[in-house]
PDB file of N, CA and C in Angstrom:
ATOM      1  N   VAL A   1     173.550 106.425 132.986  1.00  0.00           N
ATOM      2  CA  VAL A   1     172.716 106.906 131.900  1.00  0.00           C
ATOM      3  C   VAL A   1     171.721 105.791 131.588  1.00  0.00           C
ATOM      4  N   ILE A   2     170.472 106.158 131.572  1.00  0.00           N
ATOM      5  CA  ILE A   2     169.390 105.215 131.258  1.00  0.00           C
ATOM      6  C   ILE A   2     168.730 105.676 129.961  1.00  0.00           C
ATOM      7  N   LEU A   3     168.679 104.767 129.011  1.00  0.00           N
ATOM      8  CA  LEU A   3     168.010 105.078 127.743  1.00  0.00           C
ATOM      9  C   LEU A   3     166.656 104.374 127.739  1.00  0.00           C
ATOM     10  N   LEU A   4     165.647 105.103 127.503  1.00  0.00           N
ATOM     11  CA  LEU A   4     164.294 104.549 127.444  1.00  0.00           C
ATOM     12  C   LEU A   4     163.809 104.570 126.002  1.00  0.00           C
ATOM     13  N   LYS A   5     163.264 103.461 125.608  1.00  0.00           N
ATOM     14  CA  LYS A   5     162.659 103.419 124.272  1.00  0.00           C
ATOM     15  C   LYS A   5     161.199 103.817 124.427  1.00  0.00           C
ATOM     16  N   THR A   6     160.764 104.700 123.643  1.00  0.00           N
ATOM     17  CA  THR A   6     159.357 105.101 123.681  1.00  0.00           C
ATOM     18  C   THR A   6     158.747 104.852 122.314  1.00  0.00           C
ATOM     19  N   LYS A   7     157.538 104.434 122.348  1.00  0.00           N
ATOM     20  CA  LYS A   7     156.797 104.234 121.098  1.00  0.00           C
ATOM     21  C   LYS A   7     155.978 105.481 120.846  1.00  0.00           C
ATOM     22  N   THR A   8     155.923 105.834 119.610  1.00  0.00           N
ATOM     23  CA  THR A   8     155.075 106.963 119.262  1.00  0.00           C
ATOM     24  C   THR A   8     153.877 106.429 118.493  1.00  0.00           C
ATOM     25  N   TYR A   9     152.748 106.815 118.917  1.00  0.00           N
ATOM     26  CA  TYR A   9     151.502 106.408 118.267  1.00  0.00           C
ATOM     27  C   TYR A   9     150.966 107.581 117.468  1.00  0.00           C
ATOM     28  N   ARG A  10     150.542 107.256 116.295  1.00  0.00           N
ATOM     29  CA  ARG A  10     149.998 108.309 115.431  1.00  0.00           C
ATOM     30  C   ARG A  10     148.498 108.331 115.604  1.00  0.00           C
ATOM     31  N   THR A  11     147.963 109.467 115.740  1.00  0.00           N
ATOM     32  CA  THR A  11     146.522 109.621 115.847  1.00  0.00           C
ATOM     33  C   THR A  11     145.948 109.760 114.454  1.00  0.00           C
ATOM     34  N   MET A  12     144.627 109.710 114.366  1.00  0.00           N
ATOM     35  CA  MET A  12     143.964 109.833 113.066  1.00  0.00           C
ATOM     36  C   MET A  12     144.312 111.154 112.393  1.00  0.00           C
ATOM     37  N   ALA A  13     144.502 112.184 113.158  1.00  0.00           N
ATOM     38  CA  ALA A  13     144.803 113.483 112.577  1.00  0.00           C
ATOM     39  C   ALA A  13     146.188 113.497 111.952  1.00  0.00           C
ATOM     40  N   GLU A  14     147.088 112.685 112.449  1.00  0.00           N
ATOM     41  CA  GLU A  14     148.449 112.663 111.951  1.00  0.00           C
ATOM     42  C   GLU A  14     148.649 111.721 110.768  1.00  0.00           C
ATOM     43  N   THR A  15     147.690 110.847 110.495  1.00  0.00           N
ATOM     44  CA  THR A  15     147.859 109.875 109.417  1.00  0.00           C
ATOM     45  C   THR A  15     147.606 110.518 108.068  1.00  0.00           C
ATOM     46  N   GLU A  16     148.017 109.802 107.051  1.00  0.00           N
ATOM     47  CA  GLU A  16     147.813 110.312 105.705  1.00  0.00           C
ATOM     48  C   GLU A  16     146.337 110.223 105.332  1.00  0.00           C
ATOM     49  N   ALA A  17     145.925 111.109 104.490  1.00  0.00           N
ATOM     50  CA  ALA A  17     144.532 111.108 104.042  1.00  0.00           C
ATOM     51  C   ALA A  17     144.305 109.920 103.119  1.00  0.00           C
ATOM     52  N   MET A  18     143.155 109.294 103.277  1.00  0.00           N
ATOM     53  CA  MET A  18     142.815 108.137 102.471  1.00  0.00           C
ATOM     54  C   MET A  18     142.287 108.609 101.121  1.00  0.00           C
ATOM     55  N   GLU A  19     142.719 107.938 100.062  1.00  0.00           N
ATOM     56  CA  GLU A  19     142.226 108.296  98.738  1.00  0.00           C
ATOM     57  C   GLU A  19     140.855 107.675  98.535  1.00  0.00           C
ATOM     58  N   VAL A  20     139.915 108.473  98.065  1.00  0.00           N
ATOM     59  CA  VAL A  20     138.547 108.013  97.863  1.00  0.00           C
ATOM     60  C   VAL A  20     138.130 108.358  96.446  1.00  0.00           C
ATOM     61  N   ASP A  21     137.571 107.358  95.750  1.00  0.00           N
ATOM     62  CA  ASP A  21     137.037 107.621  94.423  1.00  0.00           C
ATOM     63  C   ASP A  21     135.737 108.400  94.566  1.00  0.00           C
ATOM     64  N   PRO A  22     135.535 109.364  93.707  1.00  0.00           N
ATOM     65  CA  PRO A  22     134.268 110.109  93.811  1.00  0.00           C
ATOM     66  C   PRO A  22     133.095 109.201  93.450  1.00  0.00           C
ATOM     67  N   SER A  23     132.052 109.279  94.233  1.00  0.00           N
ATOM     68  CA  SER A  23     130.883 108.448  93.949  1.00  0.00           C
ATOM     69  C   SER A  23     130.040 109.117  92.876  1.00  0.00           C
ATOM     70  N   PRO A  24     129.388 108.311  92.054  1.00  0.00           N
ATOM     71  CA  PRO A  24     128.540 108.906  91.013  1.00  0.00           C
ATOM     72  C   PRO A  24     127.349 109.607  91.651  1.00  0.00           C
ATOM     73  N   THR A  25     127.010 110.713  91.066  1.00  0.00           N
ATOM     74  CA  THR A  25     125.872 111.459  91.594  1.00  0.00           C
ATOM     75  C   THR A  25     124.588 110.805  91.115  1.00  0.00           C
ATOM     76  N   PRO A  26     123.578 110.782  91.960  1.00  0.00           N
ATOM     77  CA  PRO A  26     122.310 110.186  91.521  1.00  0.00           C
ATOM     78  C   PRO A  26     121.701 110.998  90.388  1.00  0.00           C
ATOM     79  N   ALA A  27     121.100 110.278  89.452  1.00  0.00           N
ATOM     80  CA  ALA A  27     120.482 110.928  88.301  1.00  0.00           C
ATOM     81  C   ALA A  27     119.207 111.645  88.724  1.00  0.00           C
ATOM     82  N   SER A  28     118.958 112.739  88.061  1.00  0.00           N
ATOM     83  CA  SER A  28     117.730 113.469  88.346  1.00  0.00           C
ATOM     84  C   SER A  28     116.558 112.720  87.725  1.00  0.00           C
ATOM     85  N   PRO A  29     115.334 112.949  88.196  1.00  0.00           N
ATOM     86  CA  PRO A  29     114.177 112.237  87.631  1.00  0.00           C
ATOM     87  C   PRO A  29     114.023 112.456  86.125  1.00  0.00           C
ATOM     88  N   GLU A  30     114.427 113.635  85.638  1.00  0.00           N
ATOM     89  CA  GLU A  30     114.318 113.898  84.193  1.00  0.00           C
ATOM     90  C   GLU A  30     115.266 113.002  83.416  1.00  0.00           C
ATOM     91  N   GLU A  31     116.487 112.797  83.949  1.00  0.00           N
ATOM     92  CA  GLU A  31     117.456 111.945  83.265  1.00  0.00           C
ATOM     93  C   GLU A  31     117.028 110.486  83.289  1.00  0.00           C
ATOM     94  N   GLU A  32     116.402 110.047  84.383  1.00  0.00           N
ATOM     95  CA  GLU A  32     115.935 108.671  84.468  1.00  0.00           C
ATOM     96  C   GLU A  32     114.844 108.389  83.462  1.00  0.00           C
ATOM     97  N   GLU A  33     113.958 109.363  83.241  1.00  0.00           N
ATOM     98  CA  GLU A  33     112.886 109.182  82.263  1.00  0.00           C
ATOM     99  C   GLU A  33     113.447 109.175  80.850  1.00  0.00           C
ATOM    100  N   ALA A  34     114.500 109.947  80.613  1.00  0.00           N
ATOM    101  CA  ALA A  34     115.077 110.032  79.277  1.00  0.00           C
ATOM    102  C   ALA A  34     115.824 108.759  78.906  1.00  0.00           C
ATOM    103  N   THR A  35     116.390 108.066  79.883  1.00  0.00           N
ATOM    104  CA  THR A  35     117.120 106.833  79.606  1.00  0.00           C
ATOM    105  C   THR A  35     116.452 105.679  80.326  1.00  0.00           C
ATOM    106  N   PRO A  36     115.458 105.050  79.693  1.00  0.00           N
ATOM    107  CA  PRO A  36     114.777 103.936  80.362  1.00  0.00           C
ATOM    108  C   PRO A  36     115.717 102.752  80.505  1.00  0.00           C
ATOM    109  N   SER A  37     115.691 102.148  81.667  1.00  0.00           N
ATOM    110  CA  SER A  37     116.533 100.976  81.875  1.00  0.00           C
ATOM    111  C   SER A  37     115.698  99.724  81.664  1.00  0.00           C
ATOM    112  N   THR A  38     116.298  98.773  80.981  1.00  0.00           N
ATOM    113  CA  THR A  38     115.621  97.501  80.788  1.00  0.00           C
ATOM    114  C   THR A  38     116.445  96.438  81.479  1.00  0.00           C
ATOM    115  N   THR A  39     115.784  95.590  82.215  1.00  0.00           N
ATOM    116  CA  THR A  39     116.476  94.500  82.873  1.00  0.00           C
ATOM    117  C   THR A  39     116.425  93.293  81.958  1.00  0.00           C
ATOM    118  N   GLN A  40     117.461  92.471  82.048  1.00  0.00           N
ATOM    119  CA  GLN A  40     117.524  91.300  81.192  1.00  0.00           C
ATOM    120  C   GLN A  40     117.609  90.052  82.043  1.00  0.00           C
ATOM    121  N   ASN A  41     117.036  88.973  81.525  1.00  0.00           N
ATOM    122  CA  ASN A  41     117.139  87.695  82.230  1.00  0.00           C
ATOM    123  C   ASN A  41     118.405  86.984  81.784  1.00  0.00           C
ATOM    124  N   ASP A  42     118.609  85.762  82.217  1.00  0.00           N
ATOM    125  CA  ASP A  42     119.842  85.023  81.930  1.00  0.00           C
ATOM    126  C   ASP A  42     120.065  84.778  80.442  1.00  0.00           C
ATOM    127  N   ASN A  43     119.001  84.749  79.665  1.00  0.00           N
ATOM    128  CA  ASN A  43     119.134  84.479  78.240  1.00  0.00           C
ATOM    129  C   ASN A  43     119.483  85.727  77.444  1.00  0.00           C
ATOM    130  N   GLY A  44     119.512  86.911  78.095  1.00  0.00           N
ATOM    131  CA  GLY A  44     119.795  88.148  77.402  1.00  0.00           C
ATOM    132  C   GLY A  44     118.561  88.790  76.813  1.00  0.00           C
ATOM    133  N   ASP A  45     117.398  88.207  76.996  1.00  0.00           N
ATOM    134  CA  ASP A  45     116.172  88.775  76.470  1.00  0.00           C
ATOM    135  C   ASP A  45     115.626  89.794  77.448  1.00  0.00           C
ATOM    136  N   ASP A  46     114.928  90.788  76.931  1.00  0.00           N
ATOM    137  CA  ASP A  46     114.275  91.747  77.814  1.00  0.00           C
ATOM    138  C   ASP A  46     113.156  91.052  78.566  1.00  0.00           C
ATOM    139  N   GLU A  47     113.004  91.400  79.840  1.00  0.00           N
ATOM    140  CA  GLU A  47     111.933  90.790  80.620  1.00  0.00           C
ATOM    141  C   GLU A  47     110.573  91.315  80.189  1.00  0.00           C
ATOM    142  N   ASP A  48     110.561  92.451  79.495  1.00  0.00           N
ATOM    143  CA  ASP A  48     109.292  93.013  79.050  1.00  0.00           C
ATOM    144  C   ASP A  48     108.679  92.196  77.923  1.00  0.00           C
ATOM    145  N   ASN A  49     109.497  91.396  77.234  1.00  0.00           N
ATOM    146  CA  ASN A  49     108.968  90.577  76.145  1.00  0.00           C
ATOM    147  C   ASN A  49     107.988  89.562  76.700  1.00  0.00           C
ATOM    148  N   GLU A  50     106.970  89.298  75.911  1.00  0.00           N
ATOM    149  CA  GLU A  50     105.951  88.321  76.316  1.00  0.00           C
ATOM    150  C   GLU A  50     106.542  86.919  76.260  1.00  0.00           C
ATOM    151  N   GLU A  51     106.256  86.160  77.290  1.00  0.00           N
ATOM    152  CA  GLU A  51     106.742  84.785  77.361  1.00  0.00           C
ATOM    153  C   GLU A  51     105.972  83.937  76.358  1.00  0.00           C
ATOM    154  N   ASP A  52     106.671  83.164  75.547  1.00  0.00           N
ATOM    155  CA  ASP A  52     106.028  82.351  74.527  1.00  0.00           C
ATOM    156  C   ASP A  52     105.818  80.937  75.056  1.00  0.00           C
ATOM    157  N   ILE A  53     104.622  80.706  75.590  1.00  0.00           N
ATOM    158  CA  ILE A  53     104.290  79.372  76.100  1.00  0.00           C
ATOM    159  C   ILE A  53     103.019  78.859  75.436  1.00  0.00           C
ATOM    160  N   ALA A  54     102.700  79.412  74.279  1.00  0.00           N
ATOM    161  CA  ALA A  54     101.457  79.038  73.597  1.00  0.00           C
ATOM    162  C   ALA A  54     101.406  77.535  73.308  1.00  0.00           C
ATOM    163  N   ASP A  55     102.542  76.953  72.905  1.00  0.00           N
ATOM    164  CA  ASP A  55     102.556  75.518  72.614  1.00  0.00           C
ATOM    165  C   ASP A  55     102.316  74.693  73.877  1.00  0.00           C
ATOM    166  N   LEU A  56     102.902  75.122  74.998  1.00  0.00           N
ATOM    167  CA  LEU A  56     102.682  74.406  76.257  1.00  0.00           C
ATOM    168  C   LEU A  56     101.240  74.556  76.727  1.00  0.00           C
ATOM    169  N   LEU A  57     100.699  75.762  76.553  1.00  0.00           N
ATOM    170  CA  LEU A  57      99.324  76.020  76.971  1.00  0.00           C
ATOM    171  C   LEU A  57      98.342  75.185  76.153  1.00  0.00           C
ATOM    172  N   THR A  58      98.569  75.056  74.855  1.00  0.00           N
ATOM    173  CA  THR A  58      97.714  74.238  74.007  1.00  0.00           C
ATOM    174  C   THR A  58      97.772  72.770  74.436  1.00  0.00           C
ATOM    175  N   LEU A  59      98.958  72.294  74.716  1.00  0.00           N
ATOM    176  CA  LEU A  59      99.134  70.911  75.162  1.00  0.00           C
ATOM    177  C   LEU A  59      98.446  70.676  76.507  1.00  0.00           C
ATOM    178  N   PHE A  60      98.554  71.659  77.408  1.00  0.00           N
ATOM    179  CA  PHE A  60      97.913  71.542  78.717  1.00  0.00           C
ATOM    180  C   PHE A  60      96.393  71.511  78.579  1.00  0.00           C
ATOM    181  N   GLU A  61      95.861  72.416  77.761  1.00  0.00           N
ATOM    182  CA  GLU A  61      94.407  72.473  77.584  1.00  0.00           C
ATOM    183  C   GLU A  61      93.873  71.206  76.923  1.00  0.00           C
ATOM    184  N   SER A  62      94.640  70.629  76.003  1.00  0.00           N
ATOM    185  CA  SER A  62      94.176  69.400  75.354  1.00  0.00           C
ATOM    186  C   SER A  62      94.174  68.229  76.336  1.00  0.00           C
ATOM    187  N   SER A  63      95.080  68.251  77.300  1.00  0.00           N
ATOM    188  CA  SER A  63      95.115  67.161  78.273  1.00  0.00           C
ATOM    189  C   SER A  63      94.161  67.400  79.435  1.00  0.00           C
ATOM    190  N   SER A  64      93.658  68.621  79.580  1.00  0.00           N
ATOM    191  CA  SER A  64      92.723  68.929  80.666  1.00  0.00           C
ATOM    192  C   SER A  64      91.283  68.549  80.329  1.00  0.00           C
ATOM    193  N   SER A  65      91.054  68.188  79.097  1.00  0.00           N
ATOM    194  CA  SER A  65      89.711  67.807  78.672  1.00  0.00           C
ATOM    195  C   SER A  65      89.271  66.539  79.404  1.00  0.00           C
ATOM    196  N   SER A  66      88.021  66.512  79.797  1.00  0.00           N
ATOM    197  CA  SER A  66      87.506  65.342  80.528  1.00  0.00           C
ATOM    198  C   SER A  66      87.376  64.119  79.623  1.00  0.00           C
ATOM    199  N   THR A  67      87.351  64.317  78.312  1.00  0.00           N
ATOM    200  CA  THR A  67      87.216  63.194  77.385  1.00  0.00           C
ATOM    201  C   THR A  67      88.563  62.549  77.044  1.00  0.00           C
ATOM    202  N   THR A  68      89.657  63.201  77.426  1.00  0.00           N
ATOM    203  CA  THR A  68      90.982  62.653  77.142  1.00  0.00           C
ATOM    204  C   THR A  68      91.285  61.509  78.101  1.00  0.00           C
ATOM    205  N   PRO A  69      91.704  60.364  77.591  1.00  0.00           N
ATOM    206  CA  PRO A  69      92.018  59.224  78.478  1.00  0.00           C
ATOM    207  C   PRO A  69      93.235  59.545  79.365  1.00  0.00           C
ATOM    208  N   PRO A  70      93.275  58.971  80.577  1.00  0.00           N
ATOM    209  CA  PRO A  70      94.375  59.261  81.505  1.00  0.00           C
ATOM    210  C   PRO A  70      95.761  58.983  80.935  1.00  0.00           C
ATOM    211  N   SER A  71      95.899  57.953  80.120  1.00  0.00           N
ATOM    212  CA  SER A  71      97.221  57.643  79.559  1.00  0.00           C
ATOM    213  C   SER A  71      97.717  58.776  78.657  1.00  0.00           C
ATOM    214  N   THR A  72      96.807  59.364  77.868  1.00  0.00           N
ATOM    215  CA  THR A  72      97.173  60.491  77.011  1.00  0.00           C
ATOM    216  C   THR A  72      97.466  61.723  77.853  1.00  0.00           C
ATOM    217  N   GLN A  73      96.664  61.930  78.907  1.00  0.00           N
ATOM    218  CA  GLN A  73      96.912  63.069  79.807  1.00  0.00           C
ATOM    219  C   GLN A  73      98.296  62.956  80.434  1.00  0.00           C
ATOM    220  N   ILE A  74      98.646  61.757  80.886  1.00  0.00           N
ATOM    221  CA  ILE A  74      99.948  61.551  81.523  1.00  0.00           C
ATOM    222  C   ILE A  74     101.077  61.844  80.536  1.00  0.00           C
ATOM    223  N   THR A  75     100.930  61.384  79.316  1.00  0.00           N
ATOM    224  CA  THR A  75     101.951  61.621  78.291  1.00  0.00           C
ATOM    225  C   THR A  75     102.098  63.114  77.997  1.00  0.00           C
ATOM    226  N   ASN A  76     100.962  63.798  77.792  1.00  0.00           N
ATOM    227  CA  ASN A  76     100.994  65.234  77.479  1.00  0.00           C
ATOM    228  C   ASN A  76     101.567  66.051  78.629  1.00  0.00           C
ATOM    229  N   LEU A  77     101.143  65.756  79.849  1.00  0.00           N
ATOM    230  CA  LEU A  77     101.607  66.527  81.002  1.00  0.00           C
ATOM    231  C   LEU A  77     103.088  66.271  81.288  1.00  0.00           C
ATOM    232  N   THR A  78     103.528  65.048  81.062  1.00  0.00           N
ATOM    233  CA  THR A  78     104.950  64.746  81.227  1.00  0.00           C
ATOM    234  C   THR A  78     105.770  65.495  80.191  1.00  0.00           C
ATOM    235  N   THR A  79     105.243  65.625  78.985  1.00  0.00           N
ATOM    236  CA  THR A  79     105.922  66.377  77.927  1.00  0.00           C
ATOM    237  C   THR A  79     106.085  67.838  78.333  1.00  0.00           C
ATOM    238  N   ILE A  80     105.061  68.416  78.955  1.00  0.00           N
ATOM    239  CA  ILE A  80     105.138  69.809  79.410  1.00  0.00           C
ATOM    240  C   ILE A  80     106.238  69.963  80.457  1.00  0.00           C
ATOM    241  N   LEU A  81     106.293  69.021  81.372  1.00  0.00           N
ATOM    242  CA  LEU A  81     107.268  69.134  82.462  1.00  0.00           C
ATOM    243  C   LEU A  81     108.705  68.874  82.020  1.00  0.00           C
ATOM    244  N   THR A  82     108.882  68.113  80.960  1.00  0.00           N
ATOM    245  CA  THR A  82     110.233  67.784  80.489  1.00  0.00           C
ATOM    246  C   THR A  82     110.552  68.421  79.146  1.00  0.00           C
ATOM    247  N   GLU A  83     109.894  69.512  78.824  1.00  0.00           N
ATOM    248  CA  GLU A  83     110.103  70.146  77.527  1.00  0.00           C
ATOM    249  C   GLU A  83     111.553  70.605  77.386  1.00  0.00           C
ATOM    250  N   PRO A  84     112.123  70.468  76.186  1.00  0.00           N
ATOM    251  CA  PRO A  84     113.553  70.703  75.996  1.00  0.00           C
ATOM    252  C   PRO A  84     113.971  72.173  76.049  1.00  0.00           C
ATOM    253  N   SER A  85     113.051  73.103  75.903  1.00  0.00           N
ATOM    254  CA  SER A  85     113.421  74.522  75.892  1.00  0.00           C
ATOM    255  C   SER A  85     113.761  75.051  77.269  1.00  0.00           C
ATOM    256  N   SER A  86     113.379  74.325  78.310  1.00  0.00           N
ATOM    257  CA  SER A  86     113.650  74.721  79.697  1.00  0.00           C
ATOM    258  C   SER A  86     113.213  76.152  79.978  1.00  0.00           C
ATOM    259  N   ARG A  87     111.952  76.416  79.751  1.00  0.00           N
ATOM    260  CA  ARG A  87     111.413  77.746  80.023  1.00  0.00           C
ATOM    261  C   ARG A  87     111.060  77.835  81.503  1.00  0.00           C
ATOM    262  N   TYR A  88     111.570  78.857  82.173  1.00  0.00           N
ATOM    263  CA  TYR A  88     111.346  79.007  83.604  1.00  0.00           C
ATOM    264  C   TYR A  88     110.828  80.393  83.973  1.00  0.00           C
ATOM    265  N   GLY A  89     110.190  81.075  83.043  1.00  0.00           N
ATOM    266  CA  GLY A  89     109.610  82.371  83.360  1.00  0.00           C
ATOM    267  C   GLY A  89     108.394  82.189  84.258  1.00  0.00           C
ATOM    268  N   PRO A  90     107.801  83.278  84.712  1.00  0.00           N
ATOM    269  CA  PRO A  90     106.669  83.169  85.639  1.00  0.00           C
ATOM    270  C   PRO A  90     105.466  82.425  85.054  1.00  0.00           C
ATOM    271  N   LYS A  91     105.167  82.660  83.794  1.00  0.00           N
ATOM    272  CA  LYS A  91     104.020  81.990  83.181  1.00  0.00           C
ATOM    273  C   LYS A  91     104.298  80.501  82.975  1.00  0.00           C
ATOM    274  N   ALA A  92     105.492  80.180  82.506  1.00  0.00           N
ATOM    275  CA  ALA A  92     105.846  78.779  82.285  1.00  0.00           C
ATOM    276  C   ALA A  92     105.898  78.030  83.610  1.00  0.00           C
ATOM    277  N   THR A  93     106.410  78.669  84.643  1.00  0.00           N
ATOM    278  CA  THR A  93     106.478  78.032  85.957  1.00  0.00           C
ATOM    279  C   THR A  93     105.082  77.758  86.497  1.00  0.00           C
ATOM    280  N   THR A  94     104.187  78.719  86.333  1.00  0.00           N
ATOM    281  CA  THR A  94     102.809  78.536  86.786  1.00  0.00           C
ATOM    282  C   THR A  94     102.140  77.394  86.029  1.00  0.00           C
ATOM    283  N   LEU A  95     102.347  77.347  84.729  1.00  0.00           N
ATOM    284  CA  LEU A  95     101.755  76.279  83.922  1.00  0.00           C
ATOM    285  C   LEU A  95     102.327  74.915  84.313  1.00  0.00           C
ATOM    286  N   LYS A  96     103.612  74.854  84.570  1.00  0.00           N
ATOM    287  CA  LYS A  96     104.225  73.588  84.968  1.00  0.00           C
ATOM    288  C   LYS A  96     103.729  73.153  86.342  1.00  0.00           C
ATOM    289  N   GLU A  97     103.494  74.111  87.218  1.00  0.00           N
ATOM    290  CA  GLU A  97     102.932  73.770  88.529  1.00  0.00           C
ATOM    291  C   GLU A  97     101.529  73.193  88.381  1.00  0.00           C
ATOM    292  N   ARG A  98     100.720  73.808  87.524  1.00  0.00           N
ATOM    293  CA  ARG A  98      99.378  73.274  87.267  1.00  0.00           C
ATOM    294  C   ARG A  98      99.465  71.885  86.647  1.00  0.00           C
ATOM    295  N   SER A  99     100.491  71.684  85.805  1.00  0.00           N
ATOM    296  CA  SER A  99     100.674  70.380  85.162  1.00  0.00           C
ATOM    297  C   SER A  99     100.998  69.294  86.184  1.00  0.00           C
ATOM    298  N   ILE A 100     101.746  69.646  87.208  1.00  0.00           N
ATOM    299  CA  ILE A 100     102.084  68.663  88.248  1.00  0.00           C
ATOM    300  C   ILE A 100     100.810  68.198  88.949  1.00  0.00           C
ATOM    301  N   TYR A 101      99.943  69.151  89.315  1.00  0.00           N
ATOM    302  CA  TYR A 101      98.690  68.775  89.980  1.00  0.00           C
ATOM    303  C   TYR A 101      97.786  67.954  89.060  1.00  0.00           C
ATOM    304  N   SER A 102      97.727  68.336  87.795  1.00  0.00           N
ATOM    305  CA  SER A 102      96.912  67.583  86.825  1.00  0.00           C
ATOM    306  C   SER A 102      97.490  66.188  86.608  1.00  0.00           C
ATOM    307  N   LEU A 103      98.807  66.095  86.619  1.00  0.00           N
ATOM    308  CA  LEU A 103      99.463  64.802  86.438  1.00  0.00           C
ATOM    309  C   LEU A 103      99.147  63.879  87.622  1.00  0.00           C
ATOM    310  N   ALA A 104      99.132  64.440  88.813  1.00  0.00           N
ATOM    311  CA  ALA A 104      98.774  63.625  89.997  1.00  0.00           C
ATOM    312  C   ALA A 104      97.339  63.133  89.884  1.00  0.00           C
ATOM    313  N   ARG A 105      96.431  63.992  89.434  1.00  0.00           N
ATOM    314  CA  ARG A 105      95.034  63.580  89.255  1.00  0.00           C
ATOM    315  C   ARG A 105      94.913  62.511  88.182  1.00  0.00           C
ATOM    316  N   ALA A 106      95.685  62.666  87.104  1.00  0.00           N
ATOM    317  CA  ALA A 106      95.641  61.681  86.007  1.00  0.00           C
ATOM    318  C   ALA A 106      96.141  60.320  86.485  1.00  0.00           C
ATOM    319  N   TYR A 107      97.194  60.318  87.288  1.00  0.00           N
ATOM    320  CA  TYR A 107      97.695  59.052  87.838  1.00  0.00           C
ATOM    321  C   TYR A 107      96.659  58.412  88.753  1.00  0.00           C
ATOM    322  N   CYS A 108      95.962  59.220  89.546  1.00  0.00           N
ATOM    323  CA  CYS A 108      94.944  58.682  90.455  1.00  0.00           C
ATOM    324  C   CYS A 108      93.777  58.059  89.688  1.00  0.00           C
ATOM    325  N   THR A 109      93.374  58.698  88.589  1.00  0.00           N
ATOM    326  CA  THR A 109      92.254  58.161  87.817  1.00  0.00           C
ATOM    327  C   THR A 109      92.644  56.947  86.975  1.00  0.00           C
ATOM    328  N   SER A 110      93.945  56.833  86.662  1.00  0.00           N
ATOM    329  CA  SER A 110      94.374  55.698  85.845  1.00  0.00           C
ATOM    330  C   SER A 110      94.503  54.412  86.651  1.00  0.00           C
ATOM    331  N   ASN A 111      94.624  54.525  87.962  1.00  0.00           N
ATOM    332  CA  ASN A 111      94.802  53.317  88.796  1.00  0.00           C
ATOM    333  C   ASN A 111      93.502  52.891  89.422  1.00  0.00           C
TER     334      ASN A 111
END
């Protein structure tokens, strides 16, 4: 008497059905218009709010004057770049980038 061990393999049809959570249905265009979505930045503020960089802009414009001595320009532009509020929105970033170039020019004229 010979006993043979055989393995039985289950096919996909024989396996148990996988449980699937129902996916949310996409909203209709009417529902999307009725519930406007607002995105928020890291601070929790709406991105639609206007960026408040008026103080930085005033400081930049005062240092961009040709009558301002280079030492004052360097001080003002450094203040913009190291301001304590750490504003990094698109307008503040653009202004800080302009400040870097102006600061390089101020250093060149001071030496």
